Each structure stands twice: as C-alpha cells, then as structure tokens.
Protein backbone atom coordinates (compact mmCIF):
# COMPACT_ATOMS: atom_id res chain seq x y z
CA UNK A 1 91.55 112.81 272.19
CA UNK A 2 89.64 116.00 270.79
CA UNK A 3 86.31 113.83 270.83
CA UNK A 4 85.79 114.14 274.61
CA UNK A 5 85.91 117.87 274.10
CA UNK A 6 83.63 117.99 271.21
CA UNK A 7 81.19 115.98 273.76
CA UNK A 8 81.08 118.91 276.09
CA UNK A 9 80.09 121.31 273.48
CA UNK A 10 76.67 119.70 272.90
CA UNK A 11 74.22 121.26 275.31
CA UNK A 12 72.32 117.80 275.98
CA UNK A 13 75.44 116.19 277.32
CA UNK A 14 76.82 119.24 279.43
CA UNK A 15 73.62 120.16 281.36
CA UNK A 16 73.40 116.71 283.13
CA UNK A 17 77.19 116.53 283.70
CA UNK A 18 76.87 119.92 285.21
CA UNK A 19 73.88 119.10 287.22
CA UNK A 20 75.39 115.93 288.75
CA UNK A 21 78.57 117.87 289.36
CA UNK A 22 76.86 120.58 291.37
CA UNK A 23 74.71 118.00 293.19
CA UNK A 24 77.77 116.14 294.43
CA UNK A 25 79.39 119.29 295.48
CA UNK A 26 76.25 120.30 297.36
CA UNK A 27 75.88 117.06 299.16
CA UNK A 28 79.65 117.16 299.89
CA UNK A 29 79.39 120.63 301.45
CA UNK A 30 76.44 119.42 303.55
CA UNK A 31 78.12 116.38 304.67
CA UNK A 32 81.26 118.41 305.84
CA UNK A 33 78.97 121.02 307.85
CA UNK A 34 76.74 118.51 309.51
CA UNK A 35 79.25 115.69 310.38
CA UNK A 36 82.03 116.02 312.95
CA UNK A 37 80.99 116.43 316.65
CA UNK A 38 83.63 119.39 317.07
CA UNK A 39 82.36 121.26 314.16
CA UNK A 40 78.87 120.72 315.17
CA UNK A 41 79.80 121.99 318.59
CA UNK A 42 81.47 125.04 317.35
CA UNK A 43 78.89 125.89 315.23
CA UNK A 44 76.10 125.69 317.85
CA UNK A 45 78.48 128.12 319.89
CA UNK A 46 78.20 130.64 317.13
CA UNK A 47 74.41 130.94 317.20
CA UNK A 48 74.38 133.43 319.99
CA UNK A 49 77.04 136.01 318.76
CA UNK A 50 74.68 138.48 317.49
CA UNK A 51 73.11 138.65 321.10
CA UNK A 52 76.17 139.05 323.13
CA UNK A 53 77.79 142.31 324.09
CA UNK A 54 81.41 143.03 324.46
CA UNK A 55 82.42 144.03 327.95
CA UNK A 56 84.00 147.44 326.93
CA UNK A 57 81.21 148.45 324.55
CA UNK A 58 78.68 150.96 325.63
CA UNK A 59 75.21 150.27 324.81
CA UNK A 60 73.23 152.69 322.33
CA UNK A 61 69.87 151.95 323.61
CA UNK A 62 68.31 155.13 325.49
CA UNK A 63 66.41 152.99 327.89
CA UNK A 64 69.57 150.95 328.74
CA UNK A 65 71.83 154.11 329.08
CA UNK A 66 69.78 155.40 332.18
CA UNK A 67 70.66 152.08 334.06
C-alpha cells in the first residue's frame, strides 16, 4: 500500500501526473463556461455592466453635470 505513495516522491513521476491533472481541470472549466445556452446568454449580458449607470446615481463627470 505504501508503494503508490513512494511513487509520488519521485519528481519524474509527479510532474507529468500534475500536468495531466491541471490540463484536465482547465479543459473542464473551459467546457463548463462555454457550453450551455443559458449560461452563455447570461455571460453575454454581463459584458455591458461597466458601461451602464444606475438610475439614482449622479454622474461625476464635469461635462455631464452641466446637462
């Protein structure tokens, strides 16, 4: 039972294993983000959030304050 733990102590074995593990995690995250119609529509709606102003918020730009 201890043999598989000693396998990880060797850097030649650990580096490829962790590389594959991180790659699978990365691909899983990418697939989660870009699949699903509702999720992609929701993410598309978030792209204009920095450009919208709240209704009750006053503008701090001097040229807009004169309007």
